[in-house]
């Protein structure tokens, strides 16, 4: 008879770290698994750097997608609202 698997939090028997056991075959945390395979431990992910849009380019983009140039289409309204929100968030040029 096989045991019923229930996903949830588990403790690594090697290092004692908590990890998510979301598959029945997982027996240790990712760090210990990679160490056993001779691979480097995972690194912490960082968010990519966000480069602000140049004010002159932002103005040009608003002009290009403005609803007046696209028969007041929903797509142009949505794009223009988004670009104007970016402009407002970055303050006056």
PDB file of N, CA and C in Angstrom:
ATOM      1  N   UNK A   1       0.847  -1.176   0.000  1.00  0.00           N
ATOM      2  CA  UNK A   1       0.000   0.000   0.000  1.00  0.00           C
ATOM      3  C   UNK A   1       0.899   1.248   0.000  1.00  0.00           C
ATOM      4  N   UNK A   2       0.588   2.265  -0.845  1.00  0.00           N
ATOM      5  CA  UNK A   2       1.370   3.499  -0.909  1.00  0.00           C
ATOM      6  C   UNK A   2       0.712   4.582  -0.082  1.00  0.00           C
ATOM      7  N   UNK A   3       1.573   5.459   0.442  1.00  0.00           N
ATOM      8  CA  UNK A   3       1.058   6.581   1.236  1.00  0.00           C
ATOM      9  C   UNK A   3       0.471   7.642   0.327  1.00  0.00           C
ATOM     10  N   UNK A   4      -0.518   8.338   0.831  1.00  0.00           N
ATOM     11  CA  UNK A   4      -1.127   9.458   0.104  1.00  0.00           C
ATOM     12  C   UNK A   4      -0.224  10.671   0.278  1.00  0.00           C
ATOM     13  N   UNK A   5       0.110  11.370  -0.818  1.00  0.00           N
ATOM     14  CA  UNK A   5       0.954  12.548  -0.749  1.00  0.00           C
ATOM     15  C   UNK A   5       0.111  13.788  -0.542  1.00  0.00           C
ATOM     16  N   UNK A   6       0.542  14.632   0.418  1.00  0.00           N
ATOM     17  CA  UNK A   6      -0.110  15.914   0.661  1.00  0.00           C
ATOM     18  C   UNK A   6       0.944  17.007   0.560  1.00  0.00           C
ATOM     19  N   UNK A   7       0.827  17.935  -0.411  1.00  0.00           N
ATOM     20  CA  UNK A   7       1.816  19.002  -0.543  1.00  0.00           C
ATOM     21  C   UNK A   7       1.796  19.917   0.676  1.00  0.00           C
ATOM     22  N   UNK A   8       2.944  20.498   0.966  1.00  0.00           N
ATOM     23  CA  UNK A   8       3.026  21.445   2.072  1.00  0.00           C
ATOM     24  C   UNK A   8       4.456  21.721   2.464  1.00  0.00           C
ATOM     25  N   UNK A   9       4.613  22.432   3.564  1.00  0.00           N
ATOM     26  CA  UNK A   9       5.936  22.787   4.054  1.00  0.00           C
ATOM     27  C   UNK A   9       6.621  21.546   4.610  1.00  0.00           C
ATOM     28  N   UNK A  10       7.949  21.497   4.416  1.00  0.00           N
ATOM     29  CA  UNK A  10       8.744  20.384   4.919  1.00  0.00           C
ATOM     30  C   UNK A  10      10.065  20.927   5.429  1.00  0.00           C
ATOM     31  N   UNK A  11      10.771  20.120   6.197  1.00  0.00           N
ATOM     32  CA  UNK A  11      12.080  20.489   6.716  1.00  0.00           C
ATOM     33  C   UNK A  11      13.120  19.577   6.082  1.00  0.00           C
ATOM     34  N   UNK A  12      14.178  20.179   5.564  1.00  0.00           N
ATOM     35  CA  UNK A  12      15.238  19.411   4.915  1.00  0.00           C
ATOM     36  C   UNK A  12      15.974  18.568   5.964  1.00  0.00           C
ATOM     37  N   UNK A  13      16.103  17.266   5.743  1.00  0.00           N
ATOM     38  CA  UNK A  13      16.797  16.424   6.713  1.00  0.00           C
ATOM     39  C   UNK A  13      18.304  16.672   6.759  1.00  0.00           C
ATOM     40  N   UNK A  14      18.863  17.284   5.709  1.00  0.00           N
ATOM     41  CA  UNK A  14      20.305  17.547   5.667  1.00  0.00           C
ATOM     42  C   UNK A  14      20.700  18.820   6.411  1.00  0.00           C
ATOM     43  N   UNK A  15      19.994  19.927   6.130  1.00  0.00           N
ATOM     44  CA  UNK A  15      20.402  21.217   6.701  1.00  0.00           C
ATOM     45  C   UNK A  15      19.372  21.822   7.650  1.00  0.00           C
ATOM     46  N   UNK A  16      18.168  21.288   7.677  1.00  0.00           N
ATOM     47  CA  UNK A  16      17.132  21.797   8.572  1.00  0.00           C
ATOM     48  C   UNK A  16      16.359  22.985   8.038  1.00  0.00           C
ATOM     49  N   UNK A  17      16.626  23.378   6.790  1.00  0.00           N
ATOM     50  CA  UNK A  17      15.922  24.518   6.194  1.00  0.00           C
ATOM     51  C   UNK A  17      14.498  24.115   5.809  1.00  0.00           C
ATOM     52  N   UNK A  18      13.606  25.071   5.896  1.00  0.00           N
ATOM     53  CA  UNK A  18      12.221  24.835   5.465  1.00  0.00           C
ATOM     54  C   UNK A  18      12.160  24.966   3.944  1.00  0.00           C
ATOM     55  N   UNK A  19      11.366  24.120   3.312  1.00  0.00           N
ATOM     56  CA  UNK A  19      11.158  24.210   1.871  1.00  0.00           C
ATOM     57  C   UNK A  19       9.756  23.719   1.537  1.00  0.00           C
ATOM     58  N   UNK A  20       9.295  24.037   0.351  1.00  0.00           N
ATOM     59  CA  UNK A  20       7.963  23.624  -0.088  1.00  0.00           C
ATOM     60  C   UNK A  20       8.066  22.271  -0.772  1.00  0.00           C
ATOM     61  N   UNK A  21       7.431  21.287  -0.198  1.00  0.00           N
ATOM     62  CA  UNK A  21       7.400  19.955  -0.803  1.00  0.00           C
ATOM     63  C   UNK A  21       6.111  19.869  -1.601  1.00  0.00           C
ATOM     64  N   UNK A  22       6.215  20.269  -2.870  1.00  0.00           N
ATOM     65  CA  UNK A  22       5.037  20.289  -3.725  1.00  0.00           C
ATOM     66  C   UNK A  22       4.967  19.082  -4.665  1.00  0.00           C
ATOM     67  N   UNK A  23       5.966  18.198  -4.570  1.00  0.00           N
ATOM     68  CA  UNK A  23       5.982  16.967  -5.347  1.00  0.00           C
ATOM     69  C   UNK A  23       6.397  15.831  -4.425  1.00  0.00           C
ATOM     70  N   UNK A  24       5.855  14.668  -4.618  1.00  0.00           N
ATOM     71  CA  UNK A  24       6.144  13.531  -3.745  1.00  0.00           C
ATOM     72  C   UNK A  24       7.615  13.120  -3.784  1.00  0.00           C
ATOM     73  N   UNK A  25       8.308  13.332  -4.903  1.00  0.00           N
ATOM     74  CA  UNK A  25       9.690  12.904  -5.049  1.00  0.00           C
ATOM     75  C   UNK A  25      10.689  13.823  -4.359  1.00  0.00           C
ATOM     76  N   UNK A  26      10.289  15.010  -3.939  1.00  0.00           N
ATOM     77  CA  UNK A  26      11.217  15.936  -3.293  1.00  0.00           C
ATOM     78  C   UNK A  26      11.513  15.460  -1.878  1.00  0.00           C
ATOM     79  N   UNK A  27      12.803  15.254  -1.593  1.00  0.00           N
ATOM     80  CA  UNK A  27      13.224  14.758  -0.282  1.00  0.00           C
ATOM     81  C   UNK A  27      14.058  15.770   0.493  1.00  0.00           C
ATOM     82  N   UNK A  28      14.733  16.692  -0.226  1.00  0.00           N
ATOM     83  CA  UNK A  28      15.595  17.696   0.412  1.00  0.00           C
ATOM     84  C   UNK A  28      15.328  19.060  -0.218  1.00  0.00           C
ATOM     85  N   UNK A  29      15.850  20.119   0.406  1.00  0.00           N
ATOM     86  CA  UNK A  29      15.672  21.480  -0.135  1.00  0.00           C
ATOM     87  C   UNK A  29      16.495  21.638  -1.418  1.00  0.00           C
ATOM     88  N   UNK A  30      16.237  22.676  -2.179  1.00  0.00           N
ATOM     89  CA  UNK A  30      16.912  22.906  -3.445  1.00  0.00           C
ATOM     90  C   UNK A  30      18.413  23.088  -3.254  1.00  0.00           C
ATOM     91  N   UNK A  31      18.822  23.804  -2.214  1.00  0.00           N
ATOM     92  CA  UNK A  31      20.246  24.039  -1.971  1.00  0.00           C
ATOM     93  C   UNK A  31      20.980  22.720  -1.749  1.00  0.00           C
ATOM     94  N   UNK A  32      20.438  21.830  -0.922  1.00  0.00           N
ATOM     95  CA  UNK A  32      21.072  20.529  -0.669  1.00  0.00           C
ATOM     96  C   UNK A  32      21.038  19.644  -1.905  1.00  0.00           C
ATOM     97  N   UNK A  33      19.964  19.727  -2.668  1.00  0.00           N
ATOM     98  CA  UNK A  33      19.866  18.945  -3.905  1.00  0.00           C
ATOM     99  C   UNK A  33      20.962  19.359  -4.884  1.00  0.00           C
ATOM    100  N   UNK A  34      21.123  20.687  -5.077  1.00  0.00           N
ATOM    101  CA  UNK A  34      22.145  21.176  -5.999  1.00  0.00           C
ATOM    102  C   UNK A  34      23.544  20.850  -5.494  1.00  0.00           C
ATOM    103  N   UNK A  35      23.743  20.950  -4.198  1.00  0.00           N
ATOM    104  CA  UNK A  35      25.044  20.627  -3.605  1.00  0.00           C
ATOM    105  C   UNK A  35      25.395  19.165  -3.874  1.00  0.00           C
ATOM    106  N   UNK A  36      24.446  18.276  -3.728  1.00  0.00           N
ATOM    107  CA  UNK A  36      24.673  16.851  -3.984  1.00  0.00           C
ATOM    108  C   UNK A  36      25.001  16.588  -5.451  1.00  0.00           C
ATOM    109  N   UNK A  37      24.477  17.430  -6.348  1.00  0.00           N
ATOM    110  CA  UNK A  37      24.737  17.289  -7.778  1.00  0.00           C
ATOM    111  C   UNK A  37      26.014  18.008  -8.212  1.00  0.00           C
ATOM    112  N   UNK A  38      26.686  18.692  -7.254  1.00  0.00           N
ATOM    113  CA  UNK A  38      27.911  19.423  -7.586  1.00  0.00           C
ATOM    114  C   UNK A  38      27.681  20.723  -8.313  1.00  0.00           C
ATOM    115  N   UNK A  39      26.513  21.292  -8.118  1.00  0.00           N
ATOM    116  CA  UNK A  39      26.174  22.555  -8.778  1.00  0.00           C
ATOM    117  C   UNK A  39      26.110  23.671  -7.746  1.00  0.00           C
ATOM    118  N   UNK A  40      26.316  24.927  -8.168  1.00  0.00           N
ATOM    119  CA  UNK A  40      26.282  26.039  -7.214  1.00  0.00           C
ATOM    120  C   UNK A  40      24.886  26.262  -6.648  1.00  0.00           C
ATOM    121  N   UNK A  41      24.840  26.789  -5.434  1.00  0.00           N
ATOM    122  CA  UNK A  41      23.570  27.097  -4.772  1.00  0.00           C
ATOM    123  C   UNK A  41      22.859  28.213  -5.532  1.00  0.00           C
ATOM    124  N   UNK A  42      21.542  28.243  -5.485  1.00  0.00           N
ATOM    125  CA  UNK A  42      20.807  29.312  -6.176  1.00  0.00           C
ATOM    126  C   UNK A  42      21.115  30.662  -5.547  1.00  0.00           C
ATOM    127  N   UNK A  43      21.079  31.687  -6.372  1.00  0.00           N
ATOM    128  CA  UNK A  43      21.316  33.045  -5.887  1.00  0.00           C
ATOM    129  C   UNK A  43      19.995  33.768  -5.749  1.00  0.00           C
ATOM    130  N   UNK A  44      19.999  34.821  -4.977  1.00  0.00           N
ATOM    131  CA  UNK A  44      18.802  35.640  -4.795  1.00  0.00           C
ATOM    132  C   UNK A  44      18.554  36.447  -6.062  1.00  0.00           C
ATOM    133  N   UNK A  45      17.345  36.443  -6.510  1.00  0.00           N
ATOM    134  CA  UNK A  45      16.990  37.212  -7.712  1.00  0.00           C
ATOM    135  C   UNK A  45      16.777  38.669  -7.344  1.00  0.00           C
ATOM    136  N   UNK A  46      17.202  39.532  -8.220  1.00  0.00           N
ATOM    137  CA  UNK A  46      16.980  40.959  -8.022  1.00  0.00           C
ATOM    138  C   UNK A  46      16.173  41.484  -9.202  1.00  0.00           C
ATOM    139  N   UNK A  47      15.424  42.508  -8.940  1.00  0.00           N
ATOM    140  CA  UNK A  47      14.609  43.107  -9.989  1.00  0.00           C
ATOM    141  C   UNK A  47      15.519  43.817 -10.994  1.00  0.00           C
ATOM    142  N   UNK A  48      15.177  43.768 -12.260  1.00  0.00           N
ATOM    143  CA  UNK A  48      15.997  44.469 -13.250  1.00  0.00           C
ATOM    144  C   UNK A  48      15.925  45.980 -13.047  1.00  0.00           C
ATOM    145  N   UNK A  49      16.995  46.645 -13.400  1.00  0.00           N
ATOM    146  CA  UNK A  49      17.030  48.103 -13.278  1.00  0.00           C
ATOM    147  C   UNK A  49      16.050  48.709 -14.277  1.00  0.00           C
ATOM    148  N   UNK A  50      15.346  49.723 -13.840  1.00  0.00           N
ATOM    149  CA  UNK A  50      14.378  50.399 -14.701  1.00  0.00           C
ATOM    150  C   UNK A  50      14.977  51.723 -15.148  1.00  0.00           C
ATOM    151  N   UNK A  51      15.084  51.876 -16.444  1.00  0.00           N
ATOM    152  CA  UNK A  51      15.616  53.110 -16.997  1.00  0.00           C
ATOM    153  C   UNK A  51      14.450  54.010 -17.362  1.00  0.00           C
ATOM    154  N   UNK A  52      14.415  55.222 -16.804  1.00  0.00           N
ATOM    155  CA  UNK A  52      13.295  56.113 -17.139  1.00  0.00           C
ATOM    156  C   UNK A  52      13.333  56.532 -18.607  1.00  0.00           C
ATOM    157  N   UNK A  53      12.157  56.784 -19.143  1.00  0.00           N
ATOM    158  CA  UNK A  53      12.054  57.226 -20.532  1.00  0.00           C
ATOM    159  C   UNK A  53      12.419  58.699 -20.591  1.00  0.00           C
ATOM    160  N   UNK A  54      13.240  59.028 -21.571  1.00  0.00           N
ATOM    161  CA  UNK A  54      13.635  60.419 -21.792  1.00  0.00           C
ATOM    162  C   UNK A  54      12.366  61.254 -22.020  1.00  0.00           C
ATOM    163  N   UNK A  55      12.232  62.416 -21.360  1.00  0.00           N
ATOM    164  CA  UNK A  55      11.018  63.229 -21.510  1.00  0.00           C
ATOM    165  C   UNK A  55      10.672  63.576 -22.962  1.00  0.00           C
ATOM    166  N   UNK A  56      11.674  63.828 -23.785  1.00  0.00           N
ATOM    167  CA  UNK A  56      11.411  64.157 -25.189  1.00  0.00           C
ATOM    168  C   UNK A  56      10.831  62.939 -25.924  1.00  0.00           C
ATOM    169  N   UNK A  57      11.347  61.743 -25.601  1.00  0.00           N
ATOM    170  CA  UNK A  57      10.839  60.530 -26.234  1.00  0.00           C
ATOM    171  C   UNK A  57       9.427  60.221 -25.741  1.00  0.00           C
ATOM    172  N   UNK A  58       9.173  60.453 -24.464  1.00  0.00           N
ATOM    173  CA  UNK A  58       7.834  60.228 -23.918  1.00  0.00           C
ATOM    174  C   UNK A  58       6.822  61.138 -24.604  1.00  0.00           C
ATOM    175  N   UNK A  59       7.184  62.394 -24.809  1.00  0.00           N
ATOM    176  CA  UNK A  59       6.311  63.347 -25.504  1.00  0.00           C
ATOM    177  C   UNK A  59       6.031  62.862 -26.925  1.00  0.00           C
ATOM    178  N   UNK A  60       7.074  62.379 -27.600  1.00  0.00           N
ATOM    179  CA  UNK A  60       6.923  61.879 -28.971  1.00  0.00           C
ATOM    180  C   UNK A  60       6.001  60.651 -29.005  1.00  0.00           C
ATOM    181  N   UNK A  61       6.151  59.751 -28.033  1.00  0.00           N
ATOM    182  CA  UNK A  61       5.300  58.555 -27.982  1.00  0.00           C
ATOM    183  C   UNK A  61       3.833  58.916 -27.765  1.00  0.00           C
ATOM    184  N   UNK A  62       3.590  59.893 -26.895  1.00  0.00           N
ATOM    185  CA  UNK A  62       2.206  60.340 -26.665  1.00  0.00           C
ATOM    186  C   UNK A  62       1.631  60.918 -27.959  1.00  0.00           C
ATOM    187  N   UNK A  63       2.430  61.720 -28.669  1.00  0.00           N
ATOM    188  CA  UNK A  63       1.958  62.292 -29.932  1.00  0.00           C
ATOM    189  C   UNK A  63       1.648  61.203 -30.956  1.00  0.00           C
ATOM    190  N   UNK A  64       2.483  60.174 -31.017  1.00  0.00           N
ATOM    191  CA  UNK A  64       2.295  59.123 -32.010  1.00  0.00           C
ATOM    192  C   UNK A  64       1.078  58.245 -31.748  1.00  0.00           C
ATOM    193  N   UNK A  65       0.751  58.023 -30.480  1.00  0.00           N
ATOM    194  CA  UNK A  65      -0.369  57.121 -30.193  1.00  0.00           C
ATOM    195  C   UNK A  65      -1.633  57.855 -29.760  1.00  0.00           C
ATOM    196  N   UNK A  66      -1.625  59.167 -29.790  1.00  0.00           N
ATOM    197  CA  UNK A  66      -2.771  59.949 -29.313  1.00  0.00           C
ATOM    198  C   UNK A  66      -4.054  59.553 -30.041  1.00  0.00           C
ATOM    199  N   UNK A  67      -5.172  59.482 -29.305  1.00  0.00           N
ATOM    200  CA  UNK A  67      -6.458  59.087 -29.911  1.00  0.00           C
ATOM    201  C   UNK A  67      -6.893  59.963 -31.086  1.00  0.00           C
ATOM    202  N   UNK A  68      -6.501  61.220 -31.103  1.00  0.00           N
ATOM    203  CA  UNK A  68      -6.868  62.090 -32.226  1.00  0.00           C
ATOM    204  C   UNK A  68      -6.287  61.586 -33.546  1.00  0.00           C
ATOM    205  N   UNK A  69      -5.205  60.848 -33.497  1.00  0.00           N
ATOM    206  CA  UNK A  69      -4.560  60.325 -34.701  1.00  0.00           C
ATOM    207  C   UNK A  69      -5.054  58.916 -35.063  1.00  0.00           C
ATOM    208  N   UNK A  70      -5.847  58.316 -34.176  1.00  0.00           N
ATOM    209  CA  UNK A  70      -6.267  56.930 -34.396  1.00  0.00           C
ATOM    210  C   UNK A  70      -7.775  56.743 -34.208  1.00  0.00           C
ATOM    211  N   UNK A  71      -8.549  57.693 -34.685  1.00  0.00           N
ATOM    212  CA  UNK A  71     -10.021  57.627 -34.649  1.00  0.00           C
ATOM    213  C   UNK A  71     -10.560  57.288 -33.266  1.00  0.00           C
ATOM    214  N   UNK A  72      -9.913  57.792 -32.229  1.00  0.00           N
ATOM    215  CA  UNK A  72     -10.355  57.606 -30.850  1.00  0.00           C
ATOM    216  C   UNK A  72     -10.500  56.118 -30.488  1.00  0.00           C
ATOM    217  N   UNK A  73      -9.585  55.297 -31.028  1.00  0.00           N
ATOM    218  CA  UNK A  73      -9.665  53.853 -30.773  1.00  0.00           C
ATOM    219  C   UNK A  73      -9.369  53.537 -29.310  1.00  0.00           C
ATOM    220  N   UNK A  74      -9.897  52.415 -28.846  1.00  0.00           N
ATOM    221  CA  UNK A  74      -9.670  51.991 -27.459  1.00  0.00           C
ATOM    222  C   UNK A  74      -8.187  51.762 -27.203  1.00  0.00           C
ATOM    223  N   UNK A  75      -7.490  51.174 -28.175  1.00  0.00           N
ATOM    224  CA  UNK A  75      -6.060  50.903 -28.019  1.00  0.00           C
ATOM    225  C   UNK A  75      -5.271  52.200 -27.842  1.00  0.00           C
ATOM    226  N   UNK A  76      -5.580  53.211 -28.642  1.00  0.00           N
ATOM    227  CA  UNK A  76      -4.852  54.472 -28.520  1.00  0.00           C
ATOM    228  C   UNK A  76      -5.192  55.191 -27.217  1.00  0.00           C
ATOM    229  N   UNK A  77      -6.432  55.086 -26.771  1.00  0.00           N
ATOM    230  CA  UNK A  77      -6.808  55.677 -25.480  1.00  0.00           C
ATOM    231  C   UNK A  77      -6.059  55.005 -24.327  1.00  0.00           C
ATOM    232  N   UNK A  78      -5.988  53.673 -24.368  1.00  0.00           N
ATOM    233  CA  UNK A  78      -5.306  52.923 -23.316  1.00  0.00           C
ATOM    234  C   UNK A  78      -3.818  53.254 -23.302  1.00  0.00           C
ATOM    235  N   UNK A  79      -3.193  53.270 -24.482  1.00  0.00           N
ATOM    236  CA  UNK A  79      -1.765  53.568 -24.567  1.00  0.00           C
ATOM    237  C   UNK A  79      -1.468  54.993 -24.105  1.00  0.00           C
ATOM    238  N   UNK A  80      -2.296  55.933 -24.500  1.00  0.00           N
ATOM    239  CA  UNK A  80      -2.075  57.323 -24.106  1.00  0.00           C
ATOM    240  C   UNK A  80      -2.243  57.496 -22.604  1.00  0.00           C
ATOM    241  N   UNK A  81      -3.261  56.858 -22.023  1.00  0.00           N
ATOM    242  CA  UNK A  81      -3.432  56.925 -20.561  1.00  0.00           C
ATOM    243  C   UNK A  81      -2.206  56.378 -19.844  1.00  0.00           C
ATOM    244  N   UNK A  82      -1.688  55.260 -20.335  1.00  0.00           N
ATOM    245  CA  UNK A  82      -0.515  54.638 -19.728  1.00  0.00           C
ATOM    246  C   UNK A  82       0.692  55.580 -19.800  1.00  0.00           C
ATOM    247  N   UNK A  83       0.926  56.149 -20.977  1.00  0.00           N
ATOM    248  CA  UNK A  83       2.070  57.044 -21.140  1.00  0.00           C
ATOM    249  C   UNK A  83       1.920  58.316 -20.298  1.00  0.00           C
ATOM    250  N   UNK A  84       0.709  58.841 -20.208  1.00  0.00           N
ATOM    251  CA  UNK A  84       0.495  60.033 -19.376  1.00  0.00           C
ATOM    252  C   UNK A  84       0.686  59.715 -17.897  1.00  0.00           C
ATOM    253  N   UNK A  85       0.342  58.510 -17.487  1.00  0.00           N
ATOM    254  CA  UNK A  85       0.580  58.097 -16.097  1.00  0.00           C
ATOM    255  C   UNK A  85       2.082  58.001 -15.830  1.00  0.00           C
ATOM    256  N   UNK A  86       2.842  57.487 -16.801  1.00  0.00           N
ATOM    257  CA  UNK A  86       4.294  57.452 -16.662  1.00  0.00           C
ATOM    258  C   UNK A  86       4.856  58.856 -16.527  1.00  0.00           C
ATOM    259  N   UNK A  87       4.341  59.746 -17.355  1.00  0.00           N
ATOM    260  CA  UNK A  87       4.801  61.134 -17.336  1.00  0.00           C
ATOM    261  C   UNK A  87       4.512  61.775 -15.984  1.00  0.00           C
ATOM    262  N   UNK A  88       3.330  61.535 -15.444  1.00  0.00           N
ATOM    263  CA  UNK A  88       2.951  62.100 -14.151  1.00  0.00           C
ATOM    264  C   UNK A  88       3.794  61.500 -13.022  1.00  0.00           C
ATOM    265  N   UNK A  89       4.112  60.211 -13.117  1.00  0.00           N
ATOM    266  CA  UNK A  89       4.893  59.547 -12.075  1.00  0.00           C
ATOM    267  C   UNK A  89       6.321  60.036 -12.037  1.00  0.00           C
ATOM    268  N   UNK A  90       6.858  60.474 -13.167  1.00  0.00           N
ATOM    269  CA  UNK A  90       8.240  60.933 -13.227  1.00  0.00           C
ATOM    270  C   UNK A  90       8.364  62.447 -13.022  1.00  0.00           C
ATOM    271  N   UNK A  91       7.246  63.095 -12.812  1.00  0.00           N
ATOM    272  CA  UNK A  91       7.268  64.530 -12.535  1.00  0.00           C
ATOM    273  C   UNK A  91       7.459  65.362 -13.792  1.00  0.00           C
ATOM    274  N   UNK A  92       7.424  66.675 -13.636  1.00  0.00           N
ATOM    275  CA  UNK A  92       7.567  67.550 -14.800  1.00  0.00           C
ATOM    276  C   UNK A  92       8.984  67.502 -15.358  1.00  0.00           C
ATOM    277  N   UNK A  93       9.106  67.679 -16.662  1.00  0.00           N
ATOM    278  CA  UNK A  93      10.449  67.636 -17.300  1.00  0.00           C
ATOM    279  C   UNK A  93      11.301  68.807 -16.912  1.00  0.00           C
TER     280      UNK A  93
END
